[in-house]
N, C-alpha and C. Protein backbone atom coordinates (compact mmCIF):
# COMPACT_ATOMS: atom_id res chain seq x y z
N UNK A 1 0.83 -1.18 0.00
CA UNK A 1 0.00 0.00 0.00
C UNK A 1 0.88 1.24 0.00
N UNK A 2 0.31 2.33 -0.49
CA UNK A 2 0.96 3.63 -0.50
C UNK A 2 0.05 4.63 0.19
N UNK A 3 0.67 5.56 0.94
CA UNK A 3 -0.11 6.57 1.64
C UNK A 3 0.69 7.87 1.63
N UNK A 4 0.01 9.00 1.55
CA UNK A 4 0.67 10.30 1.62
C UNK A 4 -0.14 11.19 2.55
N UNK A 5 0.45 11.55 3.70
CA UNK A 5 -0.23 12.38 4.69
C UNK A 5 0.32 13.80 4.64
N UNK A 6 -0.57 14.78 4.71
CA UNK A 6 -0.19 16.19 4.78
C UNK A 6 -0.90 16.78 5.98
N UNK A 7 -0.13 17.43 6.87
CA UNK A 7 -0.69 18.05 8.06
C UNK A 7 -0.15 19.47 8.18
N UNK A 8 -1.02 20.42 8.55
CA UNK A 8 -0.59 21.80 8.73
C UNK A 8 -0.84 22.21 10.17
N UNK A 9 0.18 22.80 10.79
CA UNK A 9 0.05 23.36 12.13
C UNK A 9 -0.01 24.87 12.00
N UNK A 10 -1.10 25.46 12.46
CA UNK A 10 -1.31 26.91 12.37
C UNK A 10 -1.56 27.43 13.78
N UNK A 11 -0.56 28.09 14.41
CA UNK A 11 -0.76 28.59 15.78
C UNK A 11 -1.74 29.77 15.80
N UNK A 12 -2.33 30.00 16.97
CA UNK A 12 -3.21 31.15 17.12
C UNK A 12 -2.39 32.42 17.10
N UNK A 13 -3.02 33.53 16.78
CA UNK A 13 -2.32 34.81 16.76
C UNK A 13 -1.75 35.12 18.14
N UNK A 14 -0.57 35.70 18.18
CA UNK A 14 0.05 36.05 19.45
C UNK A 14 1.07 35.04 19.95
N UNK A 15 1.12 33.85 19.36
CA UNK A 15 2.10 32.85 19.76
C UNK A 15 3.39 33.06 18.97
N UNK A 16 4.52 32.79 19.61
CA UNK A 16 5.83 33.01 18.98
C UNK A 16 6.21 31.88 18.03
N UNK A 17 5.42 30.84 17.95
CA UNK A 17 5.73 29.69 17.11
C UNK A 17 5.21 29.93 15.69
N UNK A 18 6.03 29.60 14.71
CA UNK A 18 5.64 29.79 13.31
C UNK A 18 4.79 28.62 12.82
N UNK A 19 4.05 28.86 11.75
CA UNK A 19 3.28 27.80 11.10
C UNK A 19 4.24 26.78 10.50
N UNK A 20 3.78 25.54 10.38
CA UNK A 20 4.61 24.51 9.76
C UNK A 20 3.72 23.47 9.09
N UNK A 21 4.31 22.77 8.14
CA UNK A 21 3.62 21.71 7.42
C UNK A 21 4.40 20.41 7.58
N UNK A 22 3.69 19.30 7.57
CA UNK A 22 4.31 17.99 7.65
C UNK A 22 3.86 17.17 6.44
N UNK A 23 4.82 16.60 5.72
CA UNK A 23 4.55 15.77 4.55
C UNK A 23 5.16 14.39 4.80
N UNK A 24 4.34 13.34 4.72
CA UNK A 24 4.84 12.00 5.01
C UNK A 24 4.39 11.00 3.95
N UNK A 25 5.25 10.71 2.96
CA UNK A 25 4.95 9.60 2.05
C UNK A 25 5.33 8.28 2.74
N UNK A 26 4.47 7.29 2.63
CA UNK A 26 4.69 6.00 3.29
C UNK A 26 4.37 4.86 2.33
N UNK A 27 5.18 3.82 2.38
CA UNK A 27 4.93 2.60 1.61
C UNK A 27 4.94 1.43 2.59
N UNK A 28 4.09 0.46 2.34
CA UNK A 28 4.03 -0.68 3.23
C UNK A 28 3.46 -1.90 2.57
N UNK A 29 3.50 -2.98 3.32
CA UNK A 29 2.96 -4.24 2.82
C UNK A 29 2.26 -4.95 3.98
N UNK A 30 1.10 -5.55 3.67
CA UNK A 30 0.37 -6.36 4.64
C UNK A 30 0.46 -7.79 4.15
N UNK A 31 0.83 -8.72 5.04
CA UNK A 31 1.06 -10.09 4.63
C UNK A 31 0.29 -11.05 5.54
N UNK A 32 -0.40 -12.01 4.93
CA UNK A 32 -1.13 -13.04 5.65
C UNK A 32 -0.23 -14.27 5.74
N UNK A 33 0.38 -14.50 6.91
CA UNK A 33 1.27 -15.65 7.09
C UNK A 33 0.50 -16.96 7.12
N UNK A 34 -0.66 -16.94 7.77
CA UNK A 34 -1.53 -18.11 7.85
C UNK A 34 -2.95 -17.62 8.04
N UNK A 35 -3.88 -18.54 8.23
CA UNK A 35 -5.27 -18.15 8.43
C UNK A 35 -5.44 -17.26 9.66
N UNK A 36 -4.58 -17.45 10.66
CA UNK A 36 -4.73 -16.74 11.93
C UNK A 36 -3.67 -15.67 12.19
N UNK A 37 -2.60 -15.66 11.42
CA UNK A 37 -1.48 -14.74 11.69
C UNK A 37 -1.24 -13.82 10.51
N UNK A 38 -1.21 -12.51 10.78
CA UNK A 38 -0.93 -11.53 9.74
C UNK A 38 0.04 -10.48 10.26
N UNK A 39 0.70 -9.81 9.34
CA UNK A 39 1.65 -8.78 9.72
C UNK A 39 1.63 -7.62 8.75
N UNK A 40 2.04 -6.47 9.22
CA UNK A 40 2.13 -5.27 8.41
C UNK A 40 3.45 -4.58 8.69
N UNK A 41 4.11 -4.12 7.63
CA UNK A 41 5.35 -3.34 7.75
C UNK A 41 5.16 -2.10 6.89
N UNK A 42 5.50 -0.93 7.44
CA UNK A 42 5.44 0.29 6.64
C UNK A 42 6.61 1.20 7.00
N UNK A 43 7.05 2.00 6.03
CA UNK A 43 8.17 2.92 6.24
C UNK A 43 7.99 4.14 5.36
N UNK A 44 8.53 5.25 5.83
CA UNK A 44 8.45 6.49 5.07
C UNK A 44 9.35 7.54 5.69
N UNK A 45 9.28 8.74 5.14
CA UNK A 45 10.08 9.86 5.64
C UNK A 45 9.13 11.02 5.90
N UNK A 46 9.26 11.63 7.08
CA UNK A 46 8.46 12.80 7.43
C UNK A 46 9.31 14.04 7.20
N UNK A 47 8.81 14.96 6.39
CA UNK A 47 9.50 16.23 6.12
C UNK A 47 8.65 17.35 6.71
N UNK A 48 9.25 18.13 7.63
CA UNK A 48 8.55 19.24 8.27
C UNK A 48 9.14 20.54 7.78
N UNK A 49 8.28 21.47 7.34
CA UNK A 49 8.73 22.79 6.92
C UNK A 49 8.58 23.75 8.10
N UNK A 50 9.13 24.93 7.99
CA UNK A 50 9.00 25.93 9.05
C UNK A 50 10.28 26.10 9.82
N UNK A 51 10.21 26.85 10.92
CA UNK A 51 11.38 27.22 11.71
C UNK A 51 12.18 26.02 12.20
N UNK A 52 11.52 25.06 12.77
CA UNK A 52 12.20 23.87 13.30
C UNK A 52 12.04 22.68 12.36
N UNK A 53 12.08 22.93 11.07
CA UNK A 53 11.86 21.88 10.07
C UNK A 53 12.99 20.89 10.00
N UNK A 54 12.76 19.84 9.26
CA UNK A 54 13.74 18.79 9.07
C UNK A 54 13.04 17.52 8.64
N UNK A 55 13.80 16.47 8.48
CA UNK A 55 13.20 15.20 8.09
C UNK A 55 13.58 14.11 9.08
N UNK A 56 12.72 13.11 9.18
CA UNK A 56 12.98 11.97 10.07
C UNK A 56 12.29 10.74 9.50
N UNK A 57 12.84 9.59 9.83
CA UNK A 57 12.25 8.33 9.39
C UNK A 57 11.00 8.00 10.16
N UNK A 58 10.05 7.39 9.49
CA UNK A 58 8.78 6.95 10.08
C UNK A 58 8.59 5.49 9.72
N UNK A 59 7.81 4.79 10.49
CA UNK A 59 7.53 3.42 10.11
C UNK A 59 7.04 2.59 11.27
N UNK A 60 6.83 1.32 10.99
CA UNK A 60 6.37 0.44 12.03
C UNK A 60 6.18 -0.99 11.56
N UNK A 61 6.01 -1.85 12.55
CA UNK A 61 5.77 -3.27 12.31
C UNK A 61 4.63 -3.68 13.24
N UNK A 62 3.65 -4.40 12.70
CA UNK A 62 2.57 -4.94 13.52
C UNK A 62 2.37 -6.41 13.19
N UNK A 63 2.20 -7.22 14.23
CA UNK A 63 1.90 -8.64 14.08
C UNK A 63 0.61 -8.89 14.85
N UNK A 64 -0.33 -9.59 14.21
CA UNK A 64 -1.63 -9.86 14.83
C UNK A 64 -1.99 -11.33 14.68
N UNK A 65 -2.47 -11.90 15.80
CA UNK A 65 -2.93 -13.29 15.82
C UNK A 65 -4.42 -13.29 16.17
N UNK A 66 -5.23 -13.99 15.38
CA UNK A 66 -6.66 -14.13 15.64
C UNK A 66 -7.00 -15.60 15.70
N UNK A 67 -7.17 -16.09 16.91
CA UNK A 67 -7.50 -17.50 17.09
C UNK A 67 -8.98 -17.69 17.30
N UNK A 68 -9.36 -18.91 17.64
CA UNK A 68 -10.77 -19.21 17.88
C UNK A 68 -11.30 -18.41 19.07
N UNK A 69 -10.49 -18.24 20.11
CA UNK A 69 -10.90 -17.50 21.30
C UNK A 69 -9.97 -16.34 21.63
N UNK A 70 -8.72 -16.43 21.20
CA UNK A 70 -7.71 -15.43 21.56
C UNK A 70 -7.43 -14.49 20.39
N UNK A 71 -7.32 -13.21 20.71
CA UNK A 71 -6.94 -12.18 19.74
C UNK A 71 -5.80 -11.39 20.37
N UNK A 72 -4.66 -11.31 19.70
CA UNK A 72 -3.53 -10.57 20.27
C UNK A 72 -2.78 -9.84 19.17
N UNK A 73 -2.10 -8.75 19.56
CA UNK A 73 -1.31 -8.00 18.60
C UNK A 73 -0.16 -7.30 19.30
N UNK A 74 0.89 -7.03 18.52
CA UNK A 74 2.04 -6.27 18.98
C UNK A 74 2.39 -5.29 17.88
N UNK A 75 2.53 -4.02 18.24
CA UNK A 75 2.77 -2.94 17.28
C UNK A 75 3.93 -2.09 17.78
N UNK A 76 4.95 -1.91 16.94
CA UNK A 76 6.10 -1.06 17.24
C UNK A 76 6.18 -0.03 16.13
N UNK A 77 6.23 1.28 16.49
CA UNK A 77 6.20 2.29 15.43
C UNK A 77 6.89 3.59 15.85
N UNK A 78 7.21 4.39 14.84
CA UNK A 78 7.70 5.76 15.01
C UNK A 78 6.87 6.64 14.09
N UNK A 79 6.37 7.75 14.63
CA UNK A 79 5.54 8.66 13.84
C UNK A 79 5.74 10.09 14.31
N UNK A 80 5.23 11.04 13.54
CA UNK A 80 5.23 12.45 13.92
C UNK A 80 3.80 12.91 14.04
N UNK A 81 3.51 13.64 15.13
CA UNK A 81 2.16 14.15 15.36
C UNK A 81 2.24 15.64 15.66
N UNK A 82 1.15 16.36 15.40
CA UNK A 82 1.09 17.78 15.72
C UNK A 82 1.19 17.95 17.23
N UNK A 83 2.02 18.90 17.65
CA UNK A 83 2.23 19.15 19.07
C UNK A 83 1.42 20.35 19.51
N UNK A 84 0.84 20.29 20.68
CA UNK A 84 0.09 21.42 21.22
C UNK A 84 0.96 22.60 21.58
N UNK A 85 2.28 22.41 21.59
CA UNK A 85 3.21 23.49 21.93
C UNK A 85 3.90 24.04 20.69
N UNK A 86 3.43 23.67 19.55
CA UNK A 86 3.98 24.21 18.31
C UNK A 86 4.72 23.16 17.51
N UNK A 87 4.49 23.15 16.23
CA UNK A 87 5.18 22.23 15.34
C UNK A 87 4.74 20.79 15.51
N UNK A 88 5.71 19.89 15.35
CA UNK A 88 5.42 18.46 15.38
C UNK A 88 6.37 17.75 16.34
N UNK A 89 5.91 16.68 16.95
CA UNK A 89 6.72 15.88 17.87
C UNK A 89 6.89 14.48 17.30
N UNK A 90 8.10 13.93 17.45
CA UNK A 90 8.36 12.56 17.01
C UNK A 90 8.05 11.62 18.17
N UNK A 91 7.33 10.54 17.88
CA UNK A 91 6.90 9.61 18.93
C UNK A 91 7.32 8.19 18.57
N UNK A 92 8.01 7.53 19.51
CA UNK A 92 8.30 6.10 19.42
C UNK A 92 7.28 5.40 20.31
N UNK A 93 6.69 4.31 19.82
CA UNK A 93 5.60 3.68 20.55
C UNK A 93 5.63 2.16 20.41
N UNK A 94 5.29 1.48 21.51
CA UNK A 94 5.11 0.03 21.53
C UNK A 94 3.76 -0.24 22.17
N UNK A 95 2.92 -1.04 21.49
CA UNK A 95 1.60 -1.38 22.02
C UNK A 95 1.39 -2.89 21.93
N UNK A 96 0.84 -3.45 22.99
CA UNK A 96 0.48 -4.86 22.99
C UNK A 96 -0.96 -5.03 23.44
N UNK A 97 -1.67 -5.95 22.81
CA UNK A 97 -3.07 -6.21 23.16
C UNK A 97 -3.30 -7.72 23.21
N UNK A 98 -4.12 -8.14 24.16
CA UNK A 98 -4.50 -9.55 24.27
C UNK A 98 -5.94 -9.59 24.76
N UNK A 99 -6.76 -10.42 24.13
CA UNK A 99 -8.13 -10.61 24.61
C UNK A 99 -8.55 -12.06 24.43
N UNK A 100 -9.52 -12.45 25.25
CA UNK A 100 -9.99 -13.83 25.27
C UNK A 100 -11.52 -13.84 25.24
N UNK A 101 -12.10 -14.62 24.35
CA UNK A 101 -13.56 -14.76 24.27
C UNK A 101 -14.01 -15.74 25.34
N UNK A 102 -14.63 -15.23 26.39
CA UNK A 102 -15.12 -16.06 27.49
C UNK A 102 -16.26 -16.94 26.98
N UNK A 103 -17.14 -16.36 26.20
CA UNK A 103 -18.22 -17.09 25.52
C UNK A 103 -18.57 -16.32 24.25
N UNK A 104 -19.71 -16.60 23.64
CA UNK A 104 -20.06 -15.97 22.37
C UNK A 104 -20.30 -14.47 22.47
N UNK A 105 -20.64 -13.97 23.67
CA UNK A 105 -20.98 -12.55 23.81
C UNK A 105 -20.11 -11.78 24.81
N UNK A 106 -19.14 -12.45 25.43
CA UNK A 106 -18.30 -11.80 26.44
C UNK A 106 -16.83 -11.92 26.10
N UNK A 107 -16.08 -10.86 26.38
CA UNK A 107 -14.64 -10.84 26.07
C UNK A 107 -13.90 -10.17 27.22
N UNK A 108 -12.72 -10.71 27.54
CA UNK A 108 -11.86 -10.21 28.61
C UNK A 108 -10.52 -9.86 27.99
N UNK A 109 -9.91 -8.73 28.39
CA UNK A 109 -8.65 -8.37 27.74
C UNK A 109 -7.76 -7.47 28.56
N UNK A 110 -6.51 -7.36 28.11
CA UNK A 110 -5.53 -6.44 28.68
C UNK A 110 -4.79 -5.76 27.53
N UNK A 111 -4.47 -4.49 27.73
CA UNK A 111 -3.71 -3.70 26.78
C UNK A 111 -2.57 -3.03 27.53
N UNK A 112 -1.45 -2.86 26.88
CA UNK A 112 -0.32 -2.14 27.48
C UNK A 112 0.37 -1.33 26.39
N UNK A 113 0.85 -0.14 26.76
CA UNK A 113 1.57 0.67 25.78
C UNK A 113 2.64 1.49 26.45
N UNK A 114 3.67 1.80 25.68
CA UNK A 114 4.78 2.66 26.09
C UNK A 114 5.00 3.66 24.96
N UNK A 115 5.12 4.94 25.32
CA UNK A 115 5.28 5.98 24.31
C UNK A 115 6.35 6.96 24.76
N UNK A 116 7.30 7.24 23.88
CA UNK A 116 8.38 8.19 24.16
C UNK A 116 8.25 9.34 23.17
N UNK A 117 7.94 10.53 23.68
CA UNK A 117 7.72 11.70 22.83
C UNK A 117 8.95 12.61 22.87
N UNK A 118 9.40 13.02 21.68
CA UNK A 118 10.59 13.85 21.57
C UNK A 118 10.24 15.22 20.99
N UNK A 119 9.33 15.94 21.62
CA UNK A 119 8.94 17.26 21.15
C UNK A 119 9.65 18.33 21.96
N UNK A 120 8.99 19.50 22.11
CA UNK A 120 9.56 20.58 22.92
C UNK A 120 9.58 20.22 24.39
N UNK A 121 8.69 19.34 24.82
CA UNK A 121 8.69 18.84 26.19
C UNK A 121 8.75 17.31 26.15
N UNK A 122 9.96 16.75 26.01
CA UNK A 122 10.10 15.29 25.93
C UNK A 122 9.49 14.61 27.16
N UNK A 123 8.77 13.52 26.93
CA UNK A 123 8.17 12.79 28.04
C UNK A 123 7.96 11.34 27.65
N UNK A 124 7.73 10.52 28.67
CA UNK A 124 7.45 9.10 28.48
C UNK A 124 6.10 8.80 29.12
N UNK A 125 5.26 8.08 28.40
CA UNK A 125 3.93 7.73 28.89
C UNK A 125 3.78 6.21 28.86
N UNK A 126 3.33 5.64 29.99
CA UNK A 126 3.03 4.21 30.07
C UNK A 126 1.55 4.06 30.43
N UNK A 127 0.91 3.06 29.81
CA UNK A 127 -0.51 2.85 30.05
C UNK A 127 -0.79 1.35 30.12
N UNK A 128 -1.57 0.94 31.13
CA UNK A 128 -1.98 -0.45 31.30
C UNK A 128 -3.49 -0.45 31.48
N UNK A 129 -4.18 -1.35 30.80
CA UNK A 129 -5.64 -1.35 30.79
C UNK A 129 -6.15 -2.79 30.86
N UNK A 130 -7.05 -3.05 31.79
CA UNK A 130 -7.74 -4.35 31.87
C UNK A 130 -9.22 -4.08 31.65
N UNK A 131 -9.88 -4.92 30.85
CA UNK A 131 -11.27 -4.65 30.52
C UNK A 131 -12.09 -5.93 30.33
N UNK A 132 -13.40 -5.75 30.41
CA UNK A 132 -14.37 -6.81 30.16
C UNK A 132 -15.50 -6.21 29.32
N UNK A 133 -15.87 -6.87 28.23
CA UNK A 133 -16.98 -6.37 27.41
C UNK A 133 -18.02 -7.47 27.22
N UNK A 134 -19.26 -7.04 27.05
CA UNK A 134 -20.36 -7.98 26.86
C UNK A 134 -21.34 -7.40 25.85
N UNK A 135 -21.73 -8.25 24.90
CA UNK A 135 -22.72 -7.85 23.89
C UNK A 135 -24.11 -7.96 24.51
N UNK A 136 -24.82 -6.83 24.54
CA UNK A 136 -26.17 -6.83 25.09
C UNK A 136 -27.21 -7.21 24.04
N UNK A 137 -26.92 -6.86 22.80
CA UNK A 137 -27.76 -7.20 21.65
C UNK A 137 -26.85 -7.13 20.43
N UNK A 138 -27.36 -7.43 19.23
CA UNK A 138 -26.48 -7.35 18.06
C UNK A 138 -25.88 -5.95 17.83
N UNK A 139 -26.50 -4.90 18.38
CA UNK A 139 -26.02 -3.54 18.14
C UNK A 139 -25.44 -2.86 19.38
N UNK A 140 -25.67 -3.39 20.57
CA UNK A 140 -25.23 -2.74 21.80
C UNK A 140 -24.16 -3.57 22.52
N UNK A 141 -23.10 -2.88 22.98
CA UNK A 141 -22.03 -3.52 23.76
C UNK A 141 -21.75 -2.66 24.99
N UNK A 142 -21.56 -3.29 26.13
CA UNK A 142 -21.16 -2.59 27.35
C UNK A 142 -19.73 -3.02 27.67
N UNK A 143 -18.92 -2.07 28.13
CA UNK A 143 -17.51 -2.36 28.43
C UNK A 143 -17.15 -1.73 29.78
N UNK A 144 -16.52 -2.52 30.62
CA UNK A 144 -16.05 -2.10 31.93
C UNK A 144 -14.53 -2.16 31.91
N UNK A 145 -13.86 -1.08 32.33
CA UNK A 145 -12.39 -1.07 32.23
C UNK A 145 -11.75 -0.37 33.41
N UNK A 146 -10.51 -0.74 33.67
CA UNK A 146 -9.67 -0.08 34.67
C UNK A 146 -8.33 0.18 34.02
N UNK A 147 -7.92 1.45 34.00
CA UNK A 147 -6.69 1.85 33.33
C UNK A 147 -5.77 2.57 34.31
N UNK A 148 -4.48 2.28 34.18
CA UNK A 148 -3.45 2.99 34.95
C UNK A 148 -2.55 3.71 33.96
N UNK A 149 -2.31 5.00 34.20
CA UNK A 149 -1.44 5.80 33.33
C UNK A 149 -0.34 6.42 34.17
N UNK A 150 0.85 6.52 33.56
CA UNK A 150 1.98 7.16 34.24
C UNK A 150 2.76 7.97 33.21
N UNK A 151 3.05 9.23 33.55
CA UNK A 151 3.82 10.11 32.67
C UNK A 151 5.05 10.60 33.40
N UNK A 152 6.20 10.52 32.72
CA UNK A 152 7.46 11.01 33.27
C UNK A 152 8.02 12.07 32.33
N UNK A 153 8.43 13.20 32.92
CA UNK A 153 9.00 14.29 32.13
C UNK A 153 10.14 14.90 32.92
N UNK A 154 11.27 15.15 32.24
CA UNK A 154 12.42 15.74 32.90
C UNK A 154 12.05 17.08 33.52
N UNK A 155 12.51 17.29 34.76
CA UNK A 155 12.29 18.56 35.44
C UNK A 155 10.94 18.70 36.12
N UNK A 156 10.08 17.72 35.99
CA UNK A 156 8.77 17.76 36.63
C UNK A 156 8.53 16.46 37.39
N UNK A 157 7.71 16.51 38.44
CA UNK A 157 7.40 15.26 39.14
C UNK A 157 6.58 14.33 38.24
N UNK A 158 6.71 13.03 38.46
CA UNK A 158 5.93 12.06 37.70
C UNK A 158 4.44 12.24 38.00
N UNK A 159 3.63 11.96 37.02
CA UNK A 159 2.18 12.03 37.19
C UNK A 159 1.60 10.65 36.89
N UNK A 160 0.66 10.22 37.72
CA UNK A 160 0.03 8.92 37.48
C UNK A 160 -1.42 8.98 37.94
N UNK A 161 -2.20 8.05 37.43
CA UNK A 161 -3.60 8.01 37.83
C UNK A 161 -4.29 6.77 37.31
N UNK A 162 -5.42 6.47 37.92
CA UNK A 162 -6.24 5.35 37.51
C UNK A 162 -7.54 5.90 36.94
N UNK A 163 -8.04 5.24 35.93
CA UNK A 163 -9.31 5.63 35.31
C UNK A 163 -10.22 4.40 35.29
N UNK A 164 -11.37 4.54 35.90
CA UNK A 164 -12.38 3.49 35.88
C UNK A 164 -13.40 3.89 34.82
N UNK A 165 -13.70 2.99 33.89
CA UNK A 165 -14.61 3.34 32.81
C UNK A 165 -15.76 2.37 32.64
N UNK A 166 -16.90 2.92 32.28
CA UNK A 166 -18.08 2.14 31.93
C UNK A 166 -18.59 2.74 30.62
N UNK A 167 -18.57 1.96 29.55
CA UNK A 167 -18.92 2.46 28.23
C UNK A 167 -20.08 1.65 27.66
N UNK A 168 -21.04 2.36 27.10
CA UNK A 168 -22.14 1.73 26.39
C UNK A 168 -22.03 2.18 24.93
N UNK A 169 -21.84 1.24 24.01
CA UNK A 169 -21.60 1.58 22.60
C UNK A 169 -22.69 0.98 21.72
N UNK A 170 -23.14 1.79 20.77
CA UNK A 170 -24.12 1.36 19.77
C UNK A 170 -23.40 1.30 18.43
N UNK A 171 -23.49 0.17 17.76
CA UNK A 171 -22.82 0.01 16.47
C UNK A 171 -23.77 -0.69 15.50
N UNK A 172 -24.17 0.03 14.47
CA UNK A 172 -25.10 -0.51 13.47
C UNK A 172 -24.34 -0.73 12.17
N UNK A 173 -24.53 -1.85 11.48
CA UNK A 173 -23.77 -2.13 10.26
C UNK A 173 -24.02 -1.13 9.13
N UNK A 174 -25.12 -0.39 9.17
CA UNK A 174 -25.41 0.59 8.12
C UNK A 174 -24.77 1.95 8.37
N UNK A 175 -24.10 2.13 9.51
CA UNK A 175 -23.41 3.41 9.81
C UNK A 175 -22.00 3.34 9.36
């Protein structure tokens, strides 16, 4: 597959940060190793214009397993995203997911991620999430989750917190 992303950062009036553009051509391939195992590899170059412009490599690898009851994936990537403090930040990220079908309508899972951001305020974010979901009808799903987040940034105390979530989702095939 081929993809070309264009993003523009336009600061509000009065900010000392200049406008900038991000151009990222990407090429990749998705491969089906077996009926249950697939992988994706993609790579590209991000070119940023403006005061703090430059180029950097982008890309990632994802492996996903879909079994009769187990669904798991591992994703390692590097990308550039618009930063709230001006311009763009480069992010290295690792994500892992695992879930188990308890029965035909219930699923139990855990997710974990690590993210290292190299913007104007470099920081590291870790997130762990345990959840349970149940199909109430063909269109309604309820999900109960507990998430722990931790952020570390040089020069500031670490921040952490737990989030308890209850989600009711409606999903219709015609939407």
